[in-house]
């Protein structure tokens, strides 16, 4: 890249001038997918922390986070049935958090790759 010019692949080496915004802007769709995955993982992680720290369940914030975490982890709820409550909570809510992060970031990377090819 010389002087803000990029050469097109297979284009005979003719320079293509691109704006900095177009060149470095990330995909809005990929960013949205990443943010959603991160927020879901934060909610699940927050509930794990609140449970392990024995937060007051009568508190509205704790009640909201518990309900949201239970809904987000619905597909894996009671997947693990250990006798230790802390371990069961850690695994039943930690696994979905990891899955959401992995799948969300992998999907965002795929979206970015597809958009690069289309340019």
PDB file of N, CA and C in Angstrom:
ATOM      1  N   UNK A   1       0.855  -1.164   0.000  1.00  0.00           N
ATOM      2  CA  UNK A   1       0.000   0.000   0.000  1.00  0.00           C
ATOM      3  C   UNK A   1       0.901   1.227   0.000  1.00  0.00           C
ATOM      4  N   UNK A   2       0.764   2.051  -1.025  1.00  0.00           N
ATOM      5  CA  UNK A   2       1.601   3.220  -1.175  1.00  0.00           C
ATOM      6  C   UNK A   2       0.715   4.441  -1.334  1.00  0.00           C
ATOM      7  N   UNK A   3       0.901   5.435  -0.482  1.00  0.00           N
ATOM      8  CA  UNK A   3       0.189   6.700  -0.638  1.00  0.00           C
ATOM      9  C   UNK A   3      -1.331   6.560  -0.583  1.00  0.00           C
ATOM     10  N   UNK A   4      -1.859   5.626   0.198  1.00  0.00           N
ATOM     11  CA  UNK A   4      -3.309   5.475   0.333  1.00  0.00           C
ATOM     12  C   UNK A   4      -3.948   4.688  -0.794  1.00  0.00           C
ATOM     13  N   UNK A   5      -3.132   4.039  -1.631  1.00  0.00           N
ATOM     14  CA  UNK A   5      -3.681   3.271  -2.748  1.00  0.00           C
ATOM     15  C   UNK A   5      -3.591   1.784  -2.451  1.00  0.00           C
ATOM     16  N   UNK A   6      -4.572   1.067  -2.879  1.00  0.00           N
ATOM     17  CA  UNK A   6      -4.561  -0.390  -2.778  1.00  0.00           C
ATOM     18  C   UNK A   6      -4.638  -0.951  -4.184  1.00  0.00           C
ATOM     19  N   UNK A   7      -3.982  -2.065  -4.412  1.00  0.00           N
ATOM     20  CA  UNK A   7      -4.034  -2.695  -5.721  1.00  0.00           C
ATOM     21  C   UNK A   7      -5.064  -3.811  -5.696  1.00  0.00           C
ATOM     22  N   UNK A   8      -5.885  -3.847  -6.712  1.00  0.00           N
ATOM     23  CA  UNK A   8      -6.917  -4.868  -6.806  1.00  0.00           C
ATOM     24  C   UNK A   8      -6.286  -6.189  -7.196  1.00  0.00           C
ATOM     25  N   UNK A   9      -6.750  -7.258  -6.529  1.00  0.00           N
ATOM     26  CA  UNK A   9      -6.262  -8.587  -6.876  1.00  0.00           C
ATOM     27  C   UNK A   9      -6.836  -8.983  -8.227  1.00  0.00           C
ATOM     28  N   UNK A  10      -5.994  -9.381  -9.130  1.00  0.00           N
ATOM     29  CA  UNK A  10      -6.440  -9.807 -10.447  1.00  0.00           C
ATOM     30  C   UNK A  10      -6.856  -8.656 -11.334  1.00  0.00           C
ATOM     31  N   UNK A  11      -6.607  -7.445 -10.924  1.00  0.00           N
ATOM     32  CA  UNK A  11      -7.024  -6.291 -11.704  1.00  0.00           C
ATOM     33  C   UNK A  11      -5.907  -5.712 -12.533  1.00  0.00           C
ATOM     34  N   UNK A  12      -4.860  -6.465 -12.751  1.00  0.00           N
ATOM     35  CA  UNK A  12      -3.766  -6.001 -13.591  1.00  0.00           C
ATOM     36  C   UNK A  12      -2.884  -4.985 -12.886  1.00  0.00           C
ATOM     37  N   UNK A  13      -3.018  -4.844 -11.578  1.00  0.00           N
ATOM     38  CA  UNK A  13      -2.159  -3.937 -10.836  1.00  0.00           C
ATOM     39  C   UNK A  13      -2.594  -2.495 -10.895  1.00  0.00           C
ATOM     40  N   UNK A  14      -3.776  -2.218 -11.403  1.00  0.00           N
ATOM     41  CA  UNK A  14      -4.243  -0.845 -11.436  1.00  0.00           C
ATOM     42  C   UNK A  14      -4.641  -0.405 -10.035  1.00  0.00           C
ATOM     43  N   UNK A  15      -4.193   0.762  -9.622  1.00  0.00           N
ATOM     44  CA  UNK A  15      -4.490   1.208  -8.259  1.00  0.00           C
ATOM     45  C   UNK A  15      -5.966   1.571  -8.103  1.00  0.00           C
ATOM     46  N   UNK A  16      -6.449   1.334  -6.918  1.00  0.00           N
ATOM     47  CA  UNK A  16      -7.828   1.672  -6.562  1.00  0.00           C
ATOM     48  C   UNK A  16      -7.760   2.534  -5.314  1.00  0.00           C
ATOM     49  N   UNK A  17      -8.145   3.774  -5.414  1.00  0.00           N
ATOM     50  CA  UNK A  17      -8.087   4.676  -4.276  1.00  0.00           C
ATOM     51  C   UNK A  17      -9.333   4.457  -3.422  1.00  0.00           C
ATOM     52  N   UNK A  18      -9.099   4.211  -2.137  1.00  0.00           N
ATOM     53  CA  UNK A  18     -10.206   3.989  -1.208  1.00  0.00           C
ATOM     54  C   UNK A  18     -10.103   4.996  -0.069  1.00  0.00           C
ATOM     55  N   UNK A  19     -11.232   5.428   0.411  1.00  0.00           N
ATOM     56  CA  UNK A  19     -11.210   6.344   1.540  1.00  0.00           C
ATOM     57  C   UNK A  19     -10.783   5.595   2.788  1.00  0.00           C
ATOM     58  N   UNK A  20     -10.213   6.312   3.741  1.00  0.00           N
ATOM     59  CA  UNK A  20      -9.779   5.690   4.987  1.00  0.00           C
ATOM     60  C   UNK A  20     -10.967   5.091   5.729  1.00  0.00           C
ATOM     61  N   UNK A  21     -12.090   5.776   5.702  1.00  0.00           N
ATOM     62  CA  UNK A  21     -13.277   5.290   6.407  1.00  0.00           C
ATOM     63  C   UNK A  21     -13.725   3.955   5.820  1.00  0.00           C
ATOM     64  N   UNK A  22     -13.730   3.836   4.510  1.00  0.00           N
ATOM     65  CA  UNK A  22     -14.147   2.597   3.861  1.00  0.00           C
ATOM     66  C   UNK A  22     -13.139   1.480   4.141  1.00  0.00           C
ATOM     67  N   UNK A  23     -11.877   1.811   4.165  1.00  0.00           N
ATOM     68  CA  UNK A  23     -10.839   0.808   4.328  1.00  0.00           C
ATOM     69  C   UNK A  23     -10.804   0.240   5.744  1.00  0.00           C
ATOM     70  N   UNK A  24     -10.987   1.088   6.760  1.00  0.00           N
ATOM     71  CA  UNK A  24     -10.823   0.655   8.133  1.00  0.00           C
ATOM     72  C   UNK A  24     -12.132   0.465   8.882  1.00  0.00           C
ATOM     73  N   UNK A  25     -13.237   0.774   8.281  1.00  0.00           N
ATOM     74  CA  UNK A  25     -14.519   0.622   8.959  1.00  0.00           C
ATOM     75  C   UNK A  25     -14.858  -0.853   9.105  1.00  0.00           C
ATOM     76  N   UNK A  26     -15.290  -1.207  10.289  1.00  0.00           N
ATOM     77  CA  UNK A  26     -15.702  -2.601  10.467  1.00  0.00           C
ATOM     78  C   UNK A  26     -17.180  -2.728  10.138  1.00  0.00           C
ATOM     79  N   UNK A  27     -17.585  -3.907   9.925  1.00  0.00           N
ATOM     80  CA  UNK A  27     -18.958  -4.195   9.556  1.00  0.00           C
ATOM     81  C   UNK A  27     -19.894  -3.872  10.711  1.00  0.00           C
ATOM     82  N   UNK A  28     -20.975  -3.185  10.404  1.00  0.00           N
ATOM     83  CA  UNK A  28     -21.948  -2.871  11.442  1.00  0.00           C
ATOM     84  C   UNK A  28     -22.669  -4.137  11.897  1.00  0.00           C
ATOM     85  N   UNK A  29     -22.946  -5.042  10.999  1.00  0.00           N
ATOM     86  CA  UNK A  29     -23.613  -6.288  11.362  1.00  0.00           C
ATOM     87  C   UNK A  29     -22.711  -7.135  12.259  1.00  0.00           C
ATOM     88  N   UNK A  30     -21.441  -7.231  11.918  1.00  0.00           N
ATOM     89  CA  UNK A  30     -20.507  -8.008  12.732  1.00  0.00           C
ATOM     90  C   UNK A  30     -20.332  -7.380  14.108  1.00  0.00           C
ATOM     91  N   UNK A  31     -20.301  -6.062  14.160  1.00  0.00           N
ATOM     92  CA  UNK A  31     -20.190  -5.379  15.445  1.00  0.00           C
ATOM     93  C   UNK A  31     -21.422  -5.637  16.300  1.00  0.00           C
ATOM     94  N   UNK A  32     -22.596  -5.610  15.693  1.00  0.00           N
ATOM     95  CA  UNK A  32     -23.832  -5.871  16.433  1.00  0.00           C
ATOM     96  C   UNK A  32     -23.849  -7.290  16.990  1.00  0.00           C
ATOM     97  N   UNK A  33     -23.422  -8.260  16.181  1.00  0.00           N
ATOM     98  CA  UNK A  33     -23.382  -9.656  16.638  1.00  0.00           C
ATOM     99  C   UNK A  33     -22.410  -9.795  17.807  1.00  0.00           C
ATOM    100  N   UNK A  34     -21.267  -9.151  17.719  1.00  0.00           N
ATOM    101  CA  UNK A  34     -20.280  -9.207  18.790  1.00  0.00           C
ATOM    102  C   UNK A  34     -20.816  -8.588  20.074  1.00  0.00           C
ATOM    103  N   UNK A  35     -21.472  -7.442  19.946  1.00  0.00           N
ATOM    104  CA  UNK A  35     -22.019  -6.763  21.131  1.00  0.00           C
ATOM    105  C   UNK A  35     -23.093  -7.616  21.796  1.00  0.00           C
ATOM    106  N   UNK A  36     -23.968  -8.212  21.010  1.00  0.00           N
ATOM    107  CA  UNK A  36     -25.021  -9.069  21.577  1.00  0.00           C
ATOM    108  C   UNK A  36     -24.397 -10.268  22.297  1.00  0.00           C
ATOM    109  N   UNK A  37     -23.412 -10.891  21.692  1.00  0.00           N
ATOM    110  CA  UNK A  37     -22.746 -12.038  22.323  1.00  0.00           C
ATOM    111  C   UNK A  37     -22.067 -11.621  23.625  1.00  0.00           C
ATOM    112  N   UNK A  38     -21.408 -10.468  23.611  1.00  0.00           N
ATOM    113  CA  UNK A  38     -20.722  -9.993  24.811  1.00  0.00           C
ATOM    114  C   UNK A  38     -21.705  -9.641  25.925  1.00  0.00           C
ATOM    115  N   UNK A  39     -22.817  -8.996  25.579  1.00  0.00           N
ATOM    116  CA  UNK A  39     -23.805  -8.617  26.590  1.00  0.00           C
ATOM    117  C   UNK A  39     -24.432  -9.861  27.217  1.00  0.00           C
ATOM    118  N   UNK A  40     -24.735 -10.865  26.407  1.00  0.00           N
ATOM    119  CA  UNK A  40     -25.302 -12.089  26.973  1.00  0.00           C
ATOM    120  C   UNK A  40     -24.313 -12.770  27.919  1.00  0.00           C
ATOM    121  N   UNK A  41     -23.044 -12.795  27.534  1.00  0.00           N
ATOM    122  CA  UNK A  41     -22.033 -13.400  28.402  1.00  0.00           C
ATOM    123  C   UNK A  41     -21.862 -12.595  29.691  1.00  0.00           C
ATOM    124  N   UNK A  42     -21.955 -11.275  29.605  1.00  0.00           N
ATOM    125  CA  UNK A  42     -21.837 -10.438  30.807  1.00  0.00           C
ATOM    126  C   UNK A  42     -23.007 -10.699  31.749  1.00  0.00           C
ATOM    127  N   UNK A  43     -24.221 -10.803  31.213  1.00  0.00           N
ATOM    128  CA  UNK A  43     -25.390 -11.077  32.055  1.00  0.00           C
ATOM    129  C   UNK A  43     -25.240 -12.421  32.753  1.00  0.00           C
ATOM    130  N   UNK A  44     -24.825 -13.436  32.007  1.00  0.00           N
ATOM    131  CA  UNK A  44     -24.630 -14.757  32.612  1.00  0.00           C
ATOM    132  C   UNK A  44     -23.514 -14.734  33.654  1.00  0.00           C
ATOM    133  N   UNK A  45     -22.428 -14.063  33.340  1.00  0.00           N
ATOM    134  CA  UNK A  45     -21.326 -13.946  34.296  1.00  0.00           C
ATOM    135  C   UNK A  45     -21.713 -13.157  35.534  1.00  0.00           C
ATOM    136  N   UNK A  46     -22.533 -12.135  35.340  1.00  0.00           N
ATOM    137  CA  UNK A  46     -23.003 -11.339  36.472  1.00  0.00           C
ATOM    138  C   UNK A  46     -23.876 -12.181  37.395  1.00  0.00           C
ATOM    139  N   UNK A  47     -24.742 -13.013  36.812  1.00  0.00           N
ATOM    140  CA  UNK A  47     -25.568 -13.874  37.651  1.00  0.00           C
ATOM    141  C   UNK A  47     -24.713 -14.887  38.414  1.00  0.00           C
ATOM    142  N   UNK A  48     -23.688 -15.440  37.768  1.00  0.00           N
ATOM    143  CA  UNK A  48     -22.796 -16.380  38.462  1.00  0.00           C
ATOM    144  C   UNK A  48     -22.134 -15.681  39.647  1.00  0.00           C
ATOM    145  N   UNK A  49     -21.644 -14.462  39.422  1.00  0.00           N
ATOM    146  CA  UNK A  49     -20.997 -13.714  40.502  1.00  0.00           C
ATOM    147  C   UNK A  49     -21.980 -13.398  41.623  1.00  0.00           C
ATOM    148  N   UNK A  50     -23.199 -12.988  41.262  1.00  0.00           N
ATOM    149  CA  UNK A  50     -24.205 -12.675  42.282  1.00  0.00           C
ATOM    150  C   UNK A  50     -24.565 -13.920  43.088  1.00  0.00           C
ATOM    151  N   UNK A  51     -24.674 -15.054  42.417  1.00  0.00           N
ATOM    152  CA  UNK A  51     -25.007 -16.298  43.114  1.00  0.00           C
ATOM    153  C   UNK A  51     -23.882 -16.704  44.056  1.00  0.00           C
ATOM    154  N   UNK A  52     -22.657 -16.659  43.558  1.00  0.00           N
ATOM    155  CA  UNK A  52     -21.523 -17.079  44.379  1.00  0.00           C
ATOM    156  C   UNK A  52     -21.282 -16.142  45.559  1.00  0.00           C
ATOM    157  N   UNK A  53     -21.621 -14.862  45.382  1.00  0.00           N
ATOM    158  CA  UNK A  53     -21.452 -13.895  46.463  1.00  0.00           C
ATOM    159  C   UNK A  53     -22.693 -13.786  47.337  1.00  0.00           C
ATOM    160  N   UNK A  54     -23.683 -14.644  47.085  1.00  0.00           N
ATOM    161  CA  UNK A  54     -24.914 -14.724  47.866  1.00  0.00           C
ATOM    162  C   UNK A  54     -25.640 -13.375  47.908  1.00  0.00           C
ATOM    163  N   UNK A  55     -25.916 -12.828  46.731  1.00  0.00           N
ATOM    164  CA  UNK A  55     -26.618 -11.546  46.631  1.00  0.00           C
ATOM    165  C   UNK A  55     -28.060 -11.699  47.125  1.00  0.00           C
ATOM    166  N   UNK A  56     -28.618 -10.613  47.600  1.00  0.00           N
ATOM    167  CA  UNK A  56     -29.977 -10.586  48.132  1.00  0.00           C
ATOM    168  C   UNK A  56     -30.968 -10.804  46.996  1.00  0.00           C
ATOM    169  N   UNK A  57     -31.651 -11.915  46.986  1.00  0.00           N
ATOM    170  CA  UNK A  57     -32.566 -12.250  45.897  1.00  0.00           C
ATOM    171  C   UNK A  57     -33.832 -11.405  45.919  1.00  0.00           C
ATOM    172  N   UNK A  58     -34.081 -10.694  46.992  1.00  0.00           N
ATOM    173  CA  UNK A  58     -35.254  -9.814  47.060  1.00  0.00           C
ATOM    174  C   UNK A  58     -34.990  -8.496  46.338  1.00  0.00           C
ATOM    175  N   UNK A  59     -33.736  -8.221  46.026  1.00  0.00           N
ATOM    176  CA  UNK A  59     -33.367  -6.996  45.320  1.00  0.00           C
ATOM    177  C   UNK A  59     -33.850  -7.077  43.877  1.00  0.00           C
ATOM    178  N   UNK A  60     -34.370  -5.966  43.360  1.00  0.00           N
ATOM    179  CA  UNK A  60     -34.911  -5.946  41.998  1.00  0.00           C
ATOM    180  C   UNK A  60     -33.843  -6.221  40.937  1.00  0.00           C
ATOM    181  N   UNK A  61     -32.662  -5.651  41.110  1.00  0.00           N
ATOM    182  CA  UNK A  61     -31.585  -5.868  40.136  1.00  0.00           C
ATOM    183  C   UNK A  61     -31.177  -7.340  40.105  1.00  0.00           C
ATOM    184  N   UNK A  62     -31.025  -7.927  41.279  1.00  0.00           N
ATOM    185  CA  UNK A  62     -30.641  -9.336  41.353  1.00  0.00           C
ATOM    186  C   UNK A  62     -31.731 -10.201  40.721  1.00  0.00           C
ATOM    187  N   UNK A  63     -32.981  -9.876  41.007  1.00  0.00           N
ATOM    188  CA  UNK A  63     -34.101 -10.626  40.446  1.00  0.00           C
ATOM    189  C   UNK A  63     -34.131 -10.514  38.914  1.00  0.00           C
ATOM    190  N   UNK A  64     -33.883  -9.298  38.389  1.00  0.00           N
ATOM    191  CA  UNK A  64     -33.852  -9.094  36.940  1.00  0.00           C
ATOM    192  C   UNK A  64     -32.717  -9.885  36.297  1.00  0.00           C
ATOM    193  N   UNK A  65     -31.525  -9.805  36.871  1.00  0.00           N
ATOM    194  CA  UNK A  65     -30.365 -10.517  36.309  1.00  0.00           C
ATOM    195  C   UNK A  65     -30.591 -12.020  36.358  1.00  0.00           C
ATOM    196  N   UNK A  66     -31.181 -12.523  37.440  1.00  0.00           N
ATOM    197  CA  UNK A  66     -31.466 -13.947  37.541  1.00  0.00           C
ATOM    198  C   UNK A  66     -32.456 -14.389  36.463  1.00  0.00           C
ATOM    199  N   UNK A  67     -33.515 -13.607  36.262  1.00  0.00           N
ATOM    200  CA  UNK A  67     -34.501 -13.949  35.236  1.00  0.00           C
ATOM    201  C   UNK A  67     -33.917 -13.915  33.833  1.00  0.00           C
ATOM    202  N   UNK A  68     -33.112 -12.889  33.555  1.00  0.00           N
ATOM    203  CA  UNK A  68     -32.483 -12.777  32.239  1.00  0.00           C
ATOM    204  C   UNK A  68     -31.489 -13.921  32.015  1.00  0.00           C
ATOM    205  N   UNK A  69     -30.710 -14.241  33.036  1.00  0.00           N
ATOM    206  CA  UNK A  69     -29.736 -15.325  32.913  1.00  0.00           C
ATOM    207  C   UNK A  69     -30.442 -16.668  32.738  1.00  0.00           C
ATOM    208  N   UNK A  70     -31.529 -16.862  33.460  1.00  0.00           N
ATOM    209  CA  UNK A  70     -32.261 -18.124  33.321  1.00  0.00           C
ATOM    210  C   UNK A  70     -32.838 -18.255  31.917  1.00  0.00           C
ATOM    211  N   UNK A  71     -33.339 -17.145  31.365  1.00  0.00           N
ATOM    212  CA  UNK A  71     -33.885 -17.184  30.010  1.00  0.00           C
ATOM    213  C   UNK A  71     -32.782 -17.453  28.989  1.00  0.00           C
ATOM    214  N   UNK A  72     -31.632 -16.775  29.143  1.00  0.00           N
ATOM    215  CA  UNK A  72     -30.521 -16.958  28.202  1.00  0.00           C
ATOM    216  C   UNK A  72     -29.926 -18.369  28.278  1.00  0.00           C
ATOM    217  N   UNK A  73     -29.955 -18.956  29.456  1.00  0.00           N
ATOM    218  CA  UNK A  73     -29.385 -20.287  29.638  1.00  0.00           C
ATOM    219  C   UNK A  73     -30.461 -21.363  29.615  1.00  0.00           C
ATOM    220  N   UNK A  74     -31.626 -21.044  29.101  1.00  0.00           N
ATOM    221  CA  UNK A  74     -32.736 -21.986  29.094  1.00  0.00           C
ATOM    222  C   UNK A  74     -32.425 -23.287  28.396  1.00  0.00           C
ATOM    223  N   UNK A  75     -31.648 -23.240  27.335  1.00  0.00           N
ATOM    224  CA  UNK A  75     -31.327 -24.454  26.582  1.00  0.00           C
ATOM    225  C   UNK A  75     -30.381 -25.372  27.335  1.00  0.00           C
ATOM    226  N   UNK A  76     -29.683 -24.844  28.342  1.00  0.00           N
ATOM    227  CA  UNK A  76     -28.754 -25.688  29.091  1.00  0.00           C
ATOM    228  C   UNK A  76     -29.121 -25.756  30.567  1.00  0.00           C
ATOM    229  N   UNK A  77     -30.329 -25.293  30.904  1.00  0.00           N
ATOM    230  CA  UNK A  77     -30.730 -25.265  32.310  1.00  0.00           C
ATOM    231  C   UNK A  77     -30.790 -26.692  32.865  1.00  0.00           C
ATOM    232  N   UNK A  78     -30.144 -26.896  33.992  1.00  0.00           N
ATOM    233  CA  UNK A  78     -30.036 -28.204  34.657  1.00  0.00           C
ATOM    234  C   UNK A  78     -29.376 -29.262  33.778  1.00  0.00           C
ATOM    235  N   UNK A  79     -28.482 -28.830  32.932  1.00  0.00           N
ATOM    236  CA  UNK A  79     -27.709 -29.778  32.135  1.00  0.00           C
ATOM    237  C   UNK A  79     -26.785 -30.590  33.040  1.00  0.00           C
ATOM    238  N   UNK A  80     -26.210 -29.909  34.017  1.00  0.00           N
ATOM    239  CA  UNK A  80     -25.356 -30.561  35.006  1.00  0.00           C
ATOM    240  C   UNK A  80     -26.093 -30.587  36.341  1.00  0.00           C
ATOM    241  N   UNK A  81     -26.093 -31.717  37.007  1.00  0.00           N
ATOM    242  CA  UNK A  81     -26.800 -31.840  38.287  1.00  0.00           C
ATOM    243  C   UNK A  81     -25.838 -32.321  39.369  1.00  0.00           C
ATOM    244  N   UNK A  82     -24.933 -31.456  39.761  1.00  0.00           N
ATOM    245  CA  UNK A  82     -24.007 -31.759  40.842  1.00  0.00           C
ATOM    246  C   UNK A  82     -24.684 -31.478  42.177  1.00  0.00           C
ATOM    247  N   UNK A  83     -24.166 -32.082  43.224  1.00  0.00           N
ATOM    248  CA  UNK A  83     -24.711 -31.835  44.555  1.00  0.00           C
ATOM    249  C   UNK A  83     -24.343 -30.443  45.066  1.00  0.00           C
ATOM    250  N   UNK A  84     -23.177 -29.969  44.693  1.00  0.00           N
ATOM    251  CA  UNK A  84     -22.741 -28.638  45.124  1.00  0.00           C
ATOM    252  C   UNK A  84     -23.459 -27.576  44.285  1.00  0.00           C
ATOM    253  N   UNK A  85     -24.228 -26.728  44.959  1.00  0.00           N
ATOM    254  CA  UNK A  85     -25.002 -25.698  44.255  1.00  0.00           C
ATOM    255  C   UNK A  85     -24.112 -24.728  43.487  1.00  0.00           C
ATOM    256  N   UNK A  86     -22.970 -24.351  44.069  1.00  0.00           N
ATOM    257  CA  UNK A  86     -22.099 -23.371  43.417  1.00  0.00           C
ATOM    258  C   UNK A  86     -21.533 -23.938  42.117  1.00  0.00           C
ATOM    259  N   UNK A  87     -21.195 -25.226  42.119  1.00  0.00           N
ATOM    260  CA  UNK A  87     -20.637 -25.847  40.921  1.00  0.00           C
ATOM    261  C   UNK A  87     -21.710 -26.009  39.844  1.00  0.00           C
ATOM    262  N   UNK A  88     -22.911 -26.380  40.265  1.00  0.00           N
ATOM    263  CA  UNK A  88     -24.020 -26.522  39.323  1.00  0.00           C
ATOM    264  C   UNK A  88     -24.337 -25.179  38.665  1.00  0.00           C
ATOM    265  N   UNK A  89     -24.364 -24.109  39.467  1.00  0.00           N
ATOM    266  CA  UNK A  89     -24.633 -22.772  38.915  1.00  0.00           C
ATOM    267  C   UNK A  89     -23.511 -22.333  37.987  1.00  0.00           C
ATOM    268  N   UNK A  90     -22.289 -22.566  38.395  1.00  0.00           N
ATOM    269  CA  UNK A  90     -21.143 -22.175  37.573  1.00  0.00           C
ATOM    270  C   UNK A  90     -21.179 -22.862  36.213  1.00  0.00           C
ATOM    271  N   UNK A  91     -21.459 -24.145  36.190  1.00  0.00           N
ATOM    272  CA  UNK A  91     -21.460 -24.874  34.922  1.00  0.00           C
ATOM    273  C   UNK A  91     -22.719 -24.621  34.098  1.00  0.00           C
ATOM    274  N   UNK A  92     -23.875 -24.563  34.731  1.00  0.00           N
ATOM    275  CA  UNK A  92     -25.125 -24.381  33.985  1.00  0.00           C
ATOM    276  C   UNK A  92     -25.263 -22.979  33.395  1.00  0.00           C
ATOM    277  N   UNK A  93     -24.578 -22.001  33.959  1.00  0.00           N
ATOM    278  CA  UNK A  93     -24.625 -20.653  33.403  1.00  0.00           C
ATOM    279  C   UNK A  93     -23.306 -20.269  32.730  1.00  0.00           C
ATOM    280  N   UNK A  94     -22.210 -20.909  33.119  1.00  0.00           N
ATOM    281  CA  UNK A  94     -20.915 -20.607  32.501  1.00  0.00           C
ATOM    282  C   UNK A  94     -20.778 -21.195  31.112  1.00  0.00           C
ATOM    283  N   UNK A  95     -21.298 -22.407  30.926  1.00  0.00           N
ATOM    284  CA  UNK A  95     -21.247 -23.035  29.604  1.00  0.00           C
ATOM    285  C   UNK A  95     -21.970 -22.205  28.545  1.00  0.00           C
ATOM    286  N   UNK A  96     -23.214 -21.748  28.801  1.00  0.00           N
ATOM    287  CA  UNK A  96     -23.867 -20.910  27.788  1.00  0.00           C
ATOM    288  C   UNK A  96     -23.103 -19.611  27.519  1.00  0.00           C
ATOM    289  N   UNK A  97     -22.495 -19.038  28.561  1.00  0.00           N
ATOM    290  CA  UNK A  97     -21.722 -17.813  28.355  1.00  0.00           C
ATOM    291  C   UNK A  97     -20.568 -18.063  27.387  1.00  0.00           C
ATOM    292  N   UNK A  98     -19.871 -19.165  27.574  1.00  0.00           N
ATOM    293  CA  UNK A  98     -18.752 -19.505  26.688  1.00  0.00           C
ATOM    294  C   UNK A  98     -19.253 -19.807  25.279  1.00  0.00           C
ATOM    295  N   UNK A  99     -20.369 -20.518  25.180  1.00  0.00           N
ATOM    296  CA  UNK A  99     -20.930 -20.848  23.866  1.00  0.00           C
ATOM    297  C   UNK A  99     -21.358 -19.576  23.137  1.00  0.00           C
ATOM    298  N   UNK A 100     -22.048 -18.669  23.846  1.00  0.00           N
ATOM    299  CA  UNK A 100     -22.471 -17.415  23.212  1.00  0.00           C
ATOM    300  C   UNK A 100     -21.263 -16.607  22.742  1.00  0.00           C
ATOM    301  N   UNK A 101     -20.217 -16.536  23.552  1.00  0.00           N
ATOM    302  CA  UNK A 101     -19.018 -15.811  23.133  1.00  0.00           C
ATOM    303  C   UNK A 101     -18.373 -16.456  21.915  1.00  0.00           C
ATOM    304  N   UNK A 102     -18.189 -17.765  21.954  1.00  0.00           N
ATOM    305  CA  UNK A 102     -17.532 -18.460  20.855  1.00  0.00           C
ATOM    306  C   UNK A 102     -18.339 -18.335  19.561  1.00  0.00           C
ATOM    307  N   UNK A 103     -19.621 -18.655  19.629  1.00  0.00           N
ATOM    308  CA  UNK A 103     -20.459 -18.621  18.426  1.00  0.00           C
ATOM    309  C   UNK A 103     -20.615 -17.186  17.918  1.00  0.00           C
ATOM    310  N   UNK A 104     -20.836 -16.232  18.820  1.00  0.00           N
ATOM    311  CA  UNK A 104     -21.006 -14.840  18.411  1.00  0.00           C
ATOM    312  C   UNK A 104     -19.774 -14.267  17.731  1.00  0.00           C
ATOM    313  N   UNK A 105     -18.613 -14.513  18.310  1.00  0.00           N
ATOM    314  CA  UNK A 105     -17.388 -13.976  17.710  1.00  0.00           C
ATOM    315  C   UNK A 105     -17.014 -14.721  16.426  1.00  0.00           C
ATOM    316  N   UNK A 106     -17.285 -16.012  16.368  1.00  0.00           N
ATOM    317  CA  UNK A 106     -17.030 -16.759  15.130  1.00  0.00           C
ATOM    318  C   UNK A 106     -17.955 -16.273  14.012  1.00  0.00           C
ATOM    319  N   UNK A 107     -19.226 -16.037  14.340  1.00  0.00           N
ATOM    320  CA  UNK A 107     -20.173 -15.523  13.356  1.00  0.00           C
ATOM    321  C   UNK A 107     -19.784 -14.120  12.888  1.00  0.00           C
ATOM    322  N   UNK A 108     -19.340 -13.284  13.812  1.00  0.00           N
ATOM    323  CA  UNK A 108     -18.905 -11.932  13.436  1.00  0.00           C
ATOM    324  C   UNK A 108     -17.681 -11.976  12.526  1.00  0.00           C
ATOM    325  N   UNK A 109     -16.749 -12.873  12.812  1.00  0.00           N
ATOM    326  CA  UNK A 109     -15.572 -13.018  11.950  1.00  0.00           C
ATOM    327  C   UNK A 109     -15.975 -13.488  10.557  1.00  0.00           C
ATOM    328  N   UNK A 110     -16.933 -14.393  10.497  1.00  0.00           N
ATOM    329  CA  UNK A 110     -17.424 -14.876   9.196  1.00  0.00           C
ATOM    330  C   UNK A 110     -18.098 -13.759   8.410  1.00  0.00           C
ATOM    331  N   UNK A 111     -18.886 -12.942   9.096  1.00  0.00           N
ATOM    332  CA  UNK A 111     -19.545 -11.814   8.437  1.00  0.00           C
ATOM    333  C   UNK A 111     -18.505 -10.848   7.885  1.00  0.00           C
ATOM    334  N   UNK A 112     -17.475 -10.566   8.662  1.00  0.00           N
ATOM    335  CA  UNK A 112     -16.413  -9.655   8.195  1.00  0.00           C
ATOM    336  C   UNK A 112     -15.692 -10.227   6.985  1.00  0.00           C
ATOM    337  N   UNK A 113     -15.432 -11.543   6.994  1.00  0.00           N
ATOM    338  CA  UNK A 113     -14.771 -12.178   5.857  1.00  0.00           C
ATOM    339  C   UNK A 113     -15.628 -12.115   4.613  1.00  0.00           C
ATOM    340  N   UNK A 114     -16.912 -12.363   4.754  1.00  0.00           N
ATOM    341  CA  UNK A 114     -17.830 -12.304   3.594  1.00  0.00           C
ATOM    342  C   UNK A 114     -17.866 -10.899   3.033  1.00  0.00           C
ATOM    343  N   UNK A 115     -17.904  -9.887   3.899  1.00  0.00           N
ATOM    344  CA  UNK A 115     -17.954  -8.499   3.404  1.00  0.00           C
ATOM    345  C   UNK A 115     -16.659  -8.089   2.725  1.00  0.00           C
ATOM    346  N   UNK A 116     -15.537  -8.621   3.180  1.00  0.00           N
ATOM    347  CA  UNK A 116     -14.270  -8.308   2.509  1.00  0.00           C
ATOM    348  C   UNK A 116     -14.252  -8.871   1.106  1.00  0.00           C
ATOM    349  N   UNK A 117     -14.798 -10.046   0.930  1.00  0.00           N
ATOM    350  CA  UNK A 117     -14.828 -10.683  -0.388  1.00  0.00           C
ATOM    351  C   UNK A 117     -15.739  -9.899  -1.334  1.00  0.00           C
ATOM    352  N   UNK A 118     -16.842  -9.362  -0.822  1.00  0.00           N
ATOM    353  CA  UNK A 118     -17.786  -8.640  -1.647  1.00  0.00           C
ATOM    354  C   UNK A 118     -17.274  -7.276  -2.113  1.00  0.00           C
ATOM    355  N   UNK A 119     -16.277  -6.743  -1.438  1.00  0.00           N
ATOM    356  CA  UNK A 119     -15.776  -5.403  -1.795  1.00  0.00           C
ATOM    357  C   UNK A 119     -14.990  -5.439  -3.027  1.00  0.00           C
TER     358      UNK A 119
END
